[in-house]
C-alpha atoms as a PDB file:
ATOM      1  CA  MET A   1     -18.221   7.957  32.646  1.00  0.00           C
ATOM      2  CA  PHE A   2     -21.702   8.434  31.068  1.00  0.00           C
ATOM      3  CA  THR A   3     -20.767  12.211  30.576  1.00  0.00           C
ATOM      4  CA  GLN A   4     -17.663  11.535  28.809  1.00  0.00           C
ATOM      5  CA  LEU A   5     -19.304   8.854  26.376  1.00  0.00           C
ATOM      6  CA  ILE A   6     -22.025  11.361  25.474  1.00  0.00           C
ATOM      7  CA  SER A   7     -19.469  13.830  24.914  1.00  0.00           C
ATOM      8  CA  ARG A   8     -17.406  11.518  22.452  1.00  0.00           C
ATOM      9  CA  VAL A   9     -20.802  10.675  20.683  1.00  0.00           C
ATOM     10  CA  LYS A  10     -21.449  14.156  20.119  1.00  0.00           C
ATOM     11  CA  SER A  11     -18.121  15.230  18.918  1.00  0.00           C
ATOM     12  CA  ALA A  12     -17.827  12.137  16.403  1.00  0.00           C
ATOM     13  CA  ASN A  13     -18.177  12.825  12.629  1.00  0.00           C
ATOM     14  CA  TRP A  14     -20.516   9.943  11.852  1.00  0.00           C
ATOM     15  CA  LEU A  15     -20.111  10.570   8.186  1.00  0.00           C
ATOM     16  CA  THR A  16     -16.633  10.017   8.204  1.00  0.00           C
ATOM     17  CA  ILE A  17     -16.772   7.067  10.437  1.00  0.00           C
ATOM     18  CA  SER A  18     -19.345   5.550   8.041  1.00  0.00           C
ATOM     19  CA  PHE A  19     -16.965   6.108   5.266  1.00  0.00           C
ATOM     20  CA  MET A  20     -14.039   4.810   6.991  1.00  0.00           C
ATOM     21  CA  ALA A  21     -15.645   1.616   8.408  1.00  0.00           C
ATOM     22  CA  LEU A  22     -16.948   0.844   4.766  1.00  0.00           C
ATOM     23  CA  PHE A  23     -13.509   1.210   3.067  1.00  0.00           C
ATOM     24  CA  HIS A  24     -11.631  -1.052   5.880  1.00  0.00           C
ATOM     25  CA  VAL A  25     -14.439  -3.429   5.572  1.00  0.00           C
ATOM     26  CA  LEU A  26     -14.065  -3.762   1.763  1.00  0.00           C
ATOM     27  CA  ALA A  27     -10.225  -3.825   2.182  1.00  0.00           C
ATOM     28  CA  VAL A  28     -10.264  -6.981   4.099  1.00  0.00           C
ATOM     29  CA  VAL A  29     -13.002  -8.721   1.882  1.00  0.00           C
ATOM     30  CA  ALA A  30     -10.307  -7.512  -0.909  1.00  0.00           C
ATOM     31  CA  LEU A  31      -7.743  -9.786   0.781  1.00  0.00           C
ATOM     32  CA  PHE A  32      -9.898 -12.955  -0.069  1.00  0.00           C
ATOM     33  CA  ASN A  33     -10.477 -11.901  -3.701  1.00  0.00           C
ATOM     34  CA  PHE A  34      -7.135 -11.598  -4.978  1.00  0.00           C
ATOM     35  CA  THR A  35      -6.574 -10.455  -8.632  1.00  0.00           C
ATOM     36  CA  TRP A  36      -3.007  -9.624 -10.128  1.00  0.00           C
ATOM     37  CA  THR A  37      -4.593  -6.867 -12.078  1.00  0.00           C
ATOM     38  CA  GLY A  38      -6.014  -5.343  -9.176  1.00  0.00           C
ATOM     39  CA  PHE A  39      -2.697  -5.815  -7.240  1.00  0.00           C
ATOM     40  CA  ALA A  40      -0.734  -4.027 -10.078  1.00  0.00           C
ATOM     41  CA  LEU A  41      -3.290  -1.450 -10.181  1.00  0.00           C
ATOM     42  CA  ALA A  42      -3.148  -1.000  -6.603  1.00  0.00           C
ATOM     43  CA  VAL A  43       0.600  -0.686  -6.450  1.00  0.00           C
ATOM     44  CA  ALA A  44       0.592   1.863  -9.304  1.00  0.00           C
ATOM     45  CA  LEU A  45      -2.254   4.096  -7.688  1.00  0.00           C
ATOM     46  CA  TRP A  46      -0.483   3.770  -4.319  1.00  0.00           C
ATOM     47  CA  TRP A  47       2.365   5.707  -5.609  1.00  0.00           C
ATOM     48  CA  ILE A  48       0.363   8.152  -8.021  1.00  0.00           C
ATOM     49  CA  ALA A  49      -1.477   9.333  -5.065  1.00  0.00           C
ATOM     50  CA  GLY A  50       0.415   8.863  -2.018  1.00  0.00           C
ATOM     51  CA  GLY A  51       4.213   9.632  -3.718  1.00  0.00           C
ATOM     52  CA  PHE A  52       3.440  11.916  -6.580  1.00  0.00           C
ATOM     53  CA  GLY A  53       0.170  13.276  -5.384  1.00  0.00           C
ATOM     54  CA  ILE A  54       0.402  13.671  -1.586  1.00  0.00           C
ATOM     55  CA  GLY A  55       4.415  13.716  -1.180  1.00  0.00           C
ATOM     56  CA  MET A  56       5.695  15.726  -3.983  1.00  0.00           C
ATOM     57  CA  GLY A  57       2.266  17.354  -4.502  1.00  0.00           C
ATOM     58  CA  TYR A  58       0.222  18.592  -1.472  1.00  0.00           C
ATOM     59  CA  HIS A  59       3.043  18.393   0.868  1.00  0.00           C
ATOM     60  CA  ARG A  60       6.569  19.611  -0.747  1.00  0.00           C
ATOM     61  CA  LEU A  61       4.910  21.771  -3.538  1.00  0.00           C
ATOM     62  CA  LEU A  62       1.784  23.363  -1.986  1.00  0.00           C
ATOM     63  CA  THR A  63       2.312  23.236   1.618  1.00  0.00           C
ATOM     64  CA  HIS A  64       6.212  24.177   1.920  1.00  0.00           C
ATOM     65  CA  ARG A  65       6.756  25.469  -1.651  1.00  0.00           C
ATOM     66  CA  GLY A  66      10.002  23.573  -1.822  1.00  0.00           C
ATOM     67  CA  TYR A  67      10.028  24.121  -5.380  1.00  0.00           C
ATOM     68  CA  LYS A  68       8.108  25.494  -8.112  1.00  0.00           C
ATOM     69  CA  SER A  69       6.447  23.508 -11.294  1.00  0.00           C
ATOM     70  CA  PRO A  70       4.308  24.440 -14.166  1.00  0.00           C
ATOM     71  CA  LYS A  71       0.598  25.148 -13.028  1.00  0.00           C
ATOM     72  CA  TRP A  72      -0.443  21.938 -15.323  1.00  0.00           C
ATOM     73  CA  LEU A  73       1.770  19.679 -13.154  1.00  0.00           C
ATOM     74  CA  GLU A  74       0.800  21.408 -10.005  1.00  0.00           C
ATOM     75  CA  TYR A  75      -2.811  20.876 -10.517  1.00  0.00           C
ATOM     76  CA  THR A  76      -2.189  17.140 -12.195  1.00  0.00           C
ATOM     77  CA  MET A  77      -0.205  16.515  -8.725  1.00  0.00           C
ATOM     78  CA  ALA A  78      -3.427  17.913  -6.725  1.00  0.00           C
ATOM     79  CA  VAL A  79      -5.960  15.587  -8.708  1.00  0.00           C
ATOM     80  CA  CYS A  80      -3.780  12.804  -8.251  1.00  0.00           C
ATOM     81  CA  ALA A  81      -3.447  13.536  -4.423  1.00  0.00           C
ATOM     82  CA  THR A  82      -7.464  13.325  -4.130  1.00  0.00           C
ATOM     83  CA  LEU A  83      -7.351   9.815  -5.017  1.00  0.00           C
ATOM     84  CA  ALA A  84      -5.713   9.082  -1.497  1.00  0.00           C
ATOM     85  CA  LEU A  85      -9.009   9.991   0.122  1.00  0.00           C
ATOM     86  CA  GLU A  86      -7.192  12.754   2.146  1.00  0.00           C
ATOM     87  CA  GLY A  87      -9.457  15.513   1.288  1.00  0.00           C
ATOM     88  CA  GLY A  88      -8.714  18.403  -1.044  1.00  0.00           C
ATOM     89  CA  PRO A  89      -5.849  20.882  -1.240  1.00  0.00           C
ATOM     90  CA  ILE A  90      -7.174  23.262   0.932  1.00  0.00           C
ATOM     91  CA  PHE A  91      -8.067  21.031   3.927  1.00  0.00           C
ATOM     92  CA  TRP A  92      -4.734  18.952   3.491  1.00  0.00           C
ATOM     93  CA  VAL A  93      -2.501  21.921   3.242  1.00  0.00           C
ATOM     94  CA  ALA A  94      -4.306  23.980   5.927  1.00  0.00           C
ATOM     95  CA  THR A  95      -3.982  21.103   8.233  1.00  0.00           C
ATOM     96  CA  HIS A  96      -0.389  20.559   8.060  1.00  0.00           C
ATOM     97  CA  ARG A  97       0.782  24.096   7.994  1.00  0.00           C
ATOM     98  CA  THR A  98      -1.189  24.373  11.421  1.00  0.00           C
ATOM     99  CA  HIS A  99       0.765  21.059  12.521  1.00  0.00           C
ATOM    100  CA  HIS A 100       4.056  22.921  11.934  1.00  0.00           C
ATOM    101  CA  ARG A 101       2.823  26.033  13.456  1.00  0.00           C
ATOM    102  CA  PHE A 102       1.768  24.391  16.704  1.00  0.00           C
ATOM    103  CA  THR A 103       3.840  21.118  16.604  1.00  0.00           C
ATOM    104  CA  ASP A 104       3.038  18.886  19.822  1.00  0.00           C
ATOM    105  CA  GLN A 105       1.554  21.888  21.376  1.00  0.00           C
ATOM    106  CA  PRO A 106      -2.183  23.093  21.846  1.00  0.00           C
ATOM    107  CA  GLY A 107      -3.443  23.641  18.471  1.00  0.00           C
ATOM    108  CA  ASP A 108      -1.694  20.758  16.941  1.00  0.00           C
ATOM    109  CA  PRO A 109      -4.328  18.937  15.166  1.00  0.00           C
ATOM    110  CA  HIS A 110      -2.895  15.431  15.510  1.00  0.00           C
ATOM    111  CA  SER A 111      -0.079  15.298  18.403  1.00  0.00           C
ATOM    112  CA  PRO A 112       0.456  11.887  20.125  1.00  0.00           C
ATOM    113  CA  ARG A 113       0.871  14.028  23.365  1.00  0.00           C
ATOM    114  CA  ASP A 114      -2.958  14.167  22.838  1.00  0.00           C
ATOM    115  CA  GLY A 115      -3.246  10.198  22.669  1.00  0.00           C
ATOM    116  CA  VAL A 116      -1.498   7.849  20.402  1.00  0.00           C
ATOM    117  CA  PHE A 117      -4.912   6.899  18.863  1.00  0.00           C
ATOM    118  CA  TRP A 118      -5.749  10.651  18.360  1.00  0.00           C
ATOM    119  CA  SER A 119      -2.758  11.314  16.402  1.00  0.00           C
ATOM    120  CA  HIS A 120      -3.065   8.430  14.077  1.00  0.00           C
ATOM    121  CA  MET A 121      -6.749   8.654  13.232  1.00  0.00           C
ATOM    122  CA  GLY A 122      -8.802   9.997  15.996  1.00  0.00           C
ATOM    123  CA  TRP A 123      -8.378  13.308  15.021  1.00  0.00           C
ATOM    124  CA  ILE A 124     -10.298  12.389  11.987  1.00  0.00           C
ATOM    125  CA  LEU A 125     -13.024  10.573  13.342  1.00  0.00           C
ATOM    126  CA  GLY A 126     -13.650  12.964  16.264  1.00  0.00           C
ATOM    127  CA  GLY A 127     -12.290  16.153  15.549  1.00  0.00           C
ATOM    128  CA  LYS A 128     -13.915  19.119  13.711  1.00  0.00           C
ATOM    129  CA  ALA A 129     -10.970  19.466  11.253  1.00  0.00           C
ATOM    130  CA  LEU A 130     -13.234  17.855   8.483  1.00  0.00           C
ATOM    131  CA  GLY A 131     -16.098  20.006   9.435  1.00  0.00           C
ATOM    132  CA  ALA A 132     -14.015  23.192   8.624  1.00  0.00           C
ATOM    133  CA  SER A 133     -15.465  25.123   5.920  1.00  0.00           C
ATOM    134  CA  THR A 134     -13.200  26.661   3.054  1.00  0.00           C
ATOM    135  CA  SER A 135     -13.801  30.119   4.484  1.00  0.00           C
ATOM    136  CA  GLU A 136     -12.774  28.788   7.739  1.00  0.00           C
ATOM    137  CA  LEU A 137      -9.354  27.325   6.471  1.00  0.00           C
ATOM    138  CA  ALA A 138      -8.739  30.370   4.126  1.00  0.00           C
ATOM    139  CA  PRO A 139      -6.320  32.045   6.612  1.00  0.00           C
ATOM    140  CA  TYR A 140      -4.097  29.231   6.534  1.00  0.00           C
ATOM    141  CA  VAL A 141      -3.857  28.916   2.953  1.00  0.00           C
ATOM    142  CA  PRO A 142      -4.188  32.739   1.425  1.00  0.00           C
ATOM    143  CA  ASP A 143      -2.082  31.510  -1.642  1.00  0.00           C
ATOM    144  CA  LEU A 144      -4.487  28.328  -2.610  1.00  0.00           C
ATOM    145  CA  MET A 145      -7.456  30.610  -1.976  1.00  0.00           C
ATOM    146  CA  ARG A 146      -6.476  32.822  -4.691  1.00  0.00           C
ATOM    147  CA  ASP A 147      -6.460  30.006  -7.167  1.00  0.00           C
ATOM    148  CA  LYS A 148      -9.751  28.914  -8.545  1.00  0.00           C
ATOM    149  CA  PHE A 149      -8.788  25.415  -9.471  1.00  0.00           C
ATOM    150  CA  HIS A 150      -7.608  24.370  -5.953  1.00  0.00           C
ATOM    151  CA  VAL A 151     -10.779  26.072  -4.486  1.00  0.00           C
ATOM    152  CA  TRP A 152     -13.108  24.055  -7.063  1.00  0.00           C
ATOM    153  CA  LEU A 153     -10.849  20.903  -6.243  1.00  0.00           C
ATOM    154  CA  SER A 154     -11.146  21.304  -2.806  1.00  0.00           C
ATOM    155  CA  LYS A 155     -15.096  21.203  -2.916  1.00  0.00           C
ATOM    156  CA  TRP A 156     -15.149  18.451  -5.352  1.00  0.00           C
ATOM    157  CA  HIS A 157     -12.205  16.377  -4.340  1.00  0.00           C
ATOM    158  CA  TRP A 158     -14.285  13.102  -4.167  1.00  0.00           C
ATOM    159  CA  ILE A 159     -14.599  13.166  -8.297  1.00  0.00           C
ATOM    160  CA  PRO A 160     -11.350  11.959  -9.205  1.00  0.00           C
ATOM    161  CA  LEU A 161     -11.397   8.798  -7.012  1.00  0.00           C
ATOM    162  CA  THR A 162     -15.303   7.961  -7.913  1.00  0.00           C
ATOM    163  CA  THR A 163     -14.438   8.505 -11.760  1.00  0.00           C
ATOM    164  CA  VAL A 164     -11.187   6.072 -11.328  1.00  0.00           C
ATOM    165  CA  GLY A 165     -13.323   3.473  -9.200  1.00  0.00           C
ATOM    166  CA  ILE A 166     -15.994   3.489 -11.853  1.00  0.00           C
ATOM    167  CA  SER A 167     -13.388   3.296 -14.696  1.00  0.00           C
ATOM    168  CA  ILE A 168     -11.992   0.268 -13.043  1.00  0.00           C
ATOM    169  CA  LEU A 169     -14.881  -1.551 -12.449  1.00  0.00           C
ATOM    170  CA  ALA A 170     -16.293  -1.157 -16.053  1.00  0.00           C
ATOM    171  CA  ILE A 171     -12.671  -2.401 -17.585  1.00  0.00           C
ATOM    172  CA  PHE A 172     -11.448  -4.683 -14.777  1.00  0.00           C
ATOM    173  CA  GLY A 173     -14.378  -5.739 -12.576  1.00  0.00           C
ATOM    174  CA  TRP A 174     -15.412  -5.713  -8.895  1.00  0.00           C
ATOM    175  CA  ASN A 175     -12.105  -7.585  -7.405  1.00  0.00           C
ATOM    176  CA  ALA A 176     -10.086  -4.859  -8.907  1.00  0.00           C
ATOM    177  CA  VAL A 177     -12.116  -2.433  -7.639  1.00  0.00           C
ATOM    178  CA  LEU A 178     -11.565  -3.757  -4.067  1.00  0.00           C
ATOM    179  CA  TRP A 179      -7.843  -3.812  -4.565  1.00  0.00           C
ATOM    180  CA  ALA A 180      -7.232  -0.672  -6.475  1.00  0.00           C
ATOM    181  CA  ILE A 181      -9.718   1.578  -4.276  1.00  0.00           C
ATOM    182  CA  PHE A 182     -10.501   0.100  -1.116  1.00  0.00           C
ATOM    183  CA  LEU A 183      -7.523  -1.966   0.080  1.00  0.00           C
ATOM    184  CA  ARG A 184      -5.263   0.610  -1.362  1.00  0.00           C
ATOM    185  CA  VAL A 185      -6.771   3.664  -0.029  1.00  0.00           C
ATOM    186  CA  VAL A 186      -6.750   2.187   3.352  1.00  0.00           C
ATOM    187  CA  VAL A 187      -3.252   1.147   3.345  1.00  0.00           C
ATOM    188  CA  GLY A 188      -2.580   4.587   2.042  1.00  0.00           C
ATOM    189  CA  LEU A 189      -4.092   6.434   4.562  1.00  0.00           C
ATOM    190  CA  HIS A 190      -2.695   4.391   7.658  1.00  0.00           C
ATOM    191  CA  CYS A 191       0.757   4.807   5.817  1.00  0.00           C
ATOM    192  CA  THR A 192       0.285   8.650   5.905  1.00  0.00           C
ATOM    193  CA  TRP A 193      -1.383   8.763   9.557  1.00  0.00           C
ATOM    194  CA  LEU A 194       1.912   6.869  10.627  1.00  0.00           C
ATOM    195  CA  VAL A 195       3.702   9.999  10.026  1.00  0.00           C
ATOM    196  CA  ASN A 196       1.369  12.027  12.238  1.00  0.00           C
ATOM    197  CA  SER A 197       1.755   9.100  14.826  1.00  0.00           C
ATOM    198  CA  ALA A 198       4.933   7.124  14.695  1.00  0.00           C
ATOM    199  CA  THR A 199       7.300   9.559  13.749  1.00  0.00           C
ATOM    200  CA  HIS A 200       6.521  11.563  16.630  1.00  0.00           C
ATOM    201  CA  LEU A 201       6.991   8.658  19.129  1.00  0.00           C
ATOM    202  CA  TRP A 202       9.708   6.649  17.808  1.00  0.00           C
ATOM    203  CA  GLY A 203      12.934   7.081  15.911  1.00  0.00           C
ATOM    204  CA  SER A 204      16.066   9.158  16.063  1.00  0.00           C
ATOM    205  CA  GLN A 205      16.482  13.094  16.185  1.00  0.00           C
ATOM    206  CA  ARG A 206      19.439  14.602  14.305  1.00  0.00           C
ATOM    207  CA  PHE A 207      18.292  18.287  14.823  1.00  0.00           C
ATOM    208  CA  GLU A 208      17.147  19.868  17.885  1.00  0.00           C
ATOM    209  CA  THR A 209      13.499  21.141  16.846  1.00  0.00           C
ATOM    210  CA  GLY A 210      12.014  21.671  20.195  1.00  0.00           C
ATOM    211  CA  ASP A 211       9.266  18.860  19.489  1.00  0.00           C
ATOM    212  CA  ASP A 212       8.939  15.150  19.278  1.00  0.00           C
ATOM    213  CA  SER A 213       9.596  14.503  15.525  1.00  0.00           C
ATOM    214  CA  ARG A 214      11.722  11.569  14.835  1.00  0.00           C
ATOM    215  CA  ASN A 215      13.623  10.076  11.585  1.00  0.00           C
ATOM    216  CA  SER A 216      12.172   6.735  11.001  1.00  0.00           C
ATOM    217  CA  MET A 217      13.558   4.571   8.138  1.00  0.00           C
ATOM    218  CA  TRP A 218      10.301   2.288   8.009  1.00  0.00           C
ATOM    219  CA  VAL A 219       7.963   5.174   7.891  1.00  0.00           C
ATOM    220  CA  ALA A 220      10.049   6.624   5.098  1.00  0.00           C
ATOM    221  CA  LEU A 221       9.760   3.258   3.190  1.00  0.00           C
ATOM    222  CA  LEU A 222       6.097   3.311   3.613  1.00  0.00           C
ATOM    223  CA  THR A 223       5.633   6.767   2.563  1.00  0.00           C
ATOM    224  CA  PHE A 224       8.070   7.357  -0.294  1.00  0.00           C
ATOM    225  CA  GLY A 225      10.349   9.307   1.959  1.00  0.00           C
ATOM    226  CA  GLU A 226       7.860  11.120   4.251  1.00  0.00           C
ATOM    227  CA  GLY A 227       9.401   9.319   7.294  1.00  0.00           C
ATOM    228  CA  TRP A 228      12.425  11.628   7.717  1.00  0.00           C
ATOM    229  CA  HIS A 229      10.264  13.707   9.990  1.00  0.00           C
ATOM    230  CA  ASN A 230      12.940  15.480  12.217  1.00  0.00           C
ATOM    231  CA  ASN A 231      15.042  16.487   9.154  1.00  0.00           C
ATOM    232  CA  HIS A 232      11.728  17.929   7.753  1.00  0.00           C
ATOM    233  CA  HIS A 233      10.630  19.693  10.963  1.00  0.00           C
ATOM    234  CA  ALA A 234      14.198  21.181  11.216  1.00  0.00           C
ATOM    235  CA  HIS A 235      13.939  22.464   7.602  1.00  0.00           C
ATOM    236  CA  ALA A 236      10.301  22.342   6.448  1.00  0.00           C
ATOM    237  CA  GLN A 237      10.833  24.141   3.218  1.00  0.00           C
ATOM    238  CA  SER A 238      13.625  21.680   2.065  1.00  0.00           C
ATOM    239  CA  ALA A 239      12.359  19.725  -0.957  1.00  0.00           C
ATOM    240  CA  ARG A 240      14.802  16.878   0.189  1.00  0.00           C
ATOM    241  CA  HIS A 241      13.899  14.981   3.455  1.00  0.00           C
ATOM    242  CA  GLY A 242      16.425  12.252   3.465  1.00  0.00           C
ATOM    243  CA  LEU A 243      19.948  13.890   3.815  1.00  0.00           C
ATOM    244  CA  ARG A 244      22.066  11.064   4.169  1.00  0.00           C
ATOM    245  CA  TRP A 245      22.663   8.732   1.075  1.00  0.00           C
ATOM    246  CA  TRP A 246      21.430   5.904   2.906  1.00  0.00           C
ATOM    247  CA  GLU A 247      18.058   7.728   4.164  1.00  0.00           C
ATOM    248  CA  ILE A 248      16.010   6.819   1.033  1.00  0.00           C
ATOM    249  CA  ASP A 249      13.403   9.571  -0.175  1.00  0.00           C
ATOM    250  CA  LEU A 250      11.503   8.391  -3.181  1.00  0.00           C
ATOM    251  CA  ASN A 251       9.621  11.946  -3.353  1.00  0.00           C
ATOM    252  CA  TRP A 252      13.014  13.646  -3.406  1.00  0.00           C
ATOM    253  CA  TYR A 253      14.247  11.574  -6.625  1.00  0.00           C
ATOM    254  CA  GLY A 254      10.830  12.582  -8.245  1.00  0.00           C
ATOM    255  CA  ILE A 255      11.384  16.039  -7.608  1.00  0.00           C
ATOM    256  CA  ARG A 256      14.939  15.718  -8.683  1.00  0.00           C
ATOM    257  CA  PHE A 257      13.770  13.957 -12.007  1.00  0.00           C
ATOM    258  CA  LEU A 258      11.176  16.719 -12.567  1.00  0.00           C
ATOM    259  CA  GLN A 259      14.358  19.344 -12.350  1.00  0.00           C
ATOM    260  CA  LEU A 260      16.463  17.269 -14.834  1.00  0.00           C
ATOM    261  CA  LEU A 261      13.226  17.472 -17.109  1.00  0.00           C
ATOM    262  CA  GLY A 262      12.986  21.397 -16.474  1.00  0.00           C
ATOM    263  CA  LEU A 263       9.706  20.853 -14.815  1.00  0.00           C
ATOM    264  CA  ALA A 264      10.742  21.868 -11.248  1.00  0.00           C
ATOM    265  CA  ASN A 265      12.677  24.952 -10.575  1.00  0.00           C
ATOM    266  CA  ASP A 266      13.711  27.097  -7.567  1.00  0.00           C
ATOM    267  CA  VAL A 267      14.189  23.791  -5.558  1.00  0.00           C
ATOM    268  CA  LYS A 268      15.090  24.330  -1.997  1.00  0.00           C
ATOM    269  CA  THR A 269      17.603  21.704  -0.474  1.00  0.00           C
ATOM    270  CA  VAL A 270      19.539  21.542   2.883  1.00  0.00           C
ATOM    271  CA  ASP A 271      22.508  19.230   3.641  1.00  0.00           C
ATOM    272  CA  VAL A 272      23.000  17.184   6.643  1.00  0.00           C
ATOM    273  CA  HIS A 273      24.753  19.982   8.630  1.00  0.00           C
ATOM    274  CA  GLY A 274      21.471  22.177   7.887  1.00  0.00           C
ATOM    275  CA  PHE A 275      23.000  24.414   5.329  1.00  0.00           C
ATOM    276  CA  THR A 276      20.399  25.553   2.957  1.00  0.00           C
ATOM    277  CA  HIS A 277      20.836  25.652  -0.968  1.00  0.00           C
ATOM    278  CA  SER A 278      18.483  26.797  -3.508  1.00  0.00           C
ATOM    279  CA  SER A 279      18.405  25.933  -7.314  1.00  0.00           C
ATOM    280  CA  THR A 280      18.196  29.886  -7.936  1.00  0.00           C
ATOM    281  CA  LYS A 281      20.034  32.987  -6.664  1.00  0.00           C
ATOM    282  CA  THR A 282      16.829  34.400  -5.237  1.00  0.00           C
ATOM    283  CA  PRO A 283      14.521  31.462  -3.902  1.00  0.00           C
ATOM    284  CA  SER A 284      11.052  32.423  -3.261  1.00  0.00           C
ATOM    285  CA  PRO A 285       9.946  32.547   0.374  1.00  0.00           C
ATOM    286  CA  ALA A 286       8.101  30.097   2.503  1.00  0.00           C
ATOM    287  CA  PRO A 287       4.086  30.709   2.294  1.00  0.00           C
ATOM    288  CA  GLU A 288       3.032  33.738   4.262  1.00  0.00           C
ATOM    289  CA  LEU A 289      -0.248  33.364   6.477  1.00  0.00           C
ATOM    290  CA  THR A 290      -2.553  35.852   8.034  1.00  0.00           C
ATOM    291  CA  SER A 291      -2.322  36.808  11.532  1.00  0.00           C
ATOM    292  CA  LYS A 292      -5.445  34.917  12.211  1.00  0.00           C
ATOM    293  CA  ALA A 293      -3.709  31.825  10.905  1.00  0.00           C
ATOM    294  CA  LEU A 294      -1.337  32.050  13.602  1.00  0.00           C
ATOM    295  CA  GLU A 295      -4.137  31.275  16.131  1.00  0.00           C
ATOM    296  CA  PRO A 296      -5.227  27.766  16.696  1.00  0.00           C
ATOM    297  CA  VAL A 297      -8.849  28.299  16.631  1.00  0.00           C
ATOM    298  CA  VAL A 298      -9.937  26.429  13.332  1.00  0.00           C
ATOM    299  CA  LEU A 299      -8.227  23.326  13.825  1.00  0.00           C
ATOM    300  CA  ALA A 300      -7.691  22.910  17.427  1.00  0.00           C
ATOM    301  CA  VAL A 301      -8.272  19.636  19.048  1.00  0.00           C
ATOM    302  CA  PRO A 302     -11.265  19.228  21.683  1.00  0.00           C
ATOM    303  CA  PRO A 303     -10.763  18.653  25.119  1.00  0.00           C
ATOM    304  CA  ARG A 304      -9.217  15.480  25.927  1.00  0.00           C
ATOM    305  CA  ASP A 305     -12.395  13.908  27.504  1.00  0.00           C
ATOM    306  CA  SER A 306     -14.392  14.398  24.450  1.00  0.00           C
ATOM    307  CA  ARG A 307     -12.162  12.361  21.971  1.00  0.00           C
ATOM    308  CA  PRO A 308     -12.901   8.945  20.627  1.00  0.00           C
END
């Protein structure tokens, strides 16, 4: 028992734990300091960071290349994604590509088969994923490593959130910061983490994917469409996750809107039967990884008895 405790303490990422504890405490404080301005800013930033940034940007554009967009728009999405406090593009994309490569198998950074708490947030607090350097993550993201902006943003991903927080403090005051930064970030993080945990535990499976991915309406509503996880694992490069009319997928609606504006092209989709479609006759291929990226050596989870 004592040995396991020591092992867990050694594997813990105390800097991350400290920040997470601070954000959660101030999120609770926000509940006792309500302001309509802060609430409005929180809702707006929730979609800007979690939908436009994470869902449409980090996930469906950068990770899976489900569509193409002008570079200025790609970079804008990436900056917005950093407002979610989920790391820079290289870390986020590398982690997610690893998840798809080793879904619910040894090497998956956050599988519920390694523990429900581990899959939800334990992997952030006690794993070595956040400690991986850009060079260690490089084999998983050769496309992003060739882009100087994404490399820079991955190093300085904390700057946009800090800048927005200081701006809100200067213009609207401390209570607005509590809601728009701390409470909003905590809610957004847990919504994203539910995709890692809940959608591999509960829900329905339309496709036989060989893993535990599930479709979850309630997670989809909290994540702007990311909860149709079994659909996604069956057809990872599809920019559309909700395949039935009632499968609400706000991120897909956003991509479709960009397409109508001429800001998204080579949009890849599948229908409910699994047939692939593309908005171009010669769709671009899925991101290629180097041979080293096929081995779960960088983001592999530590032994079970060392997890918090």
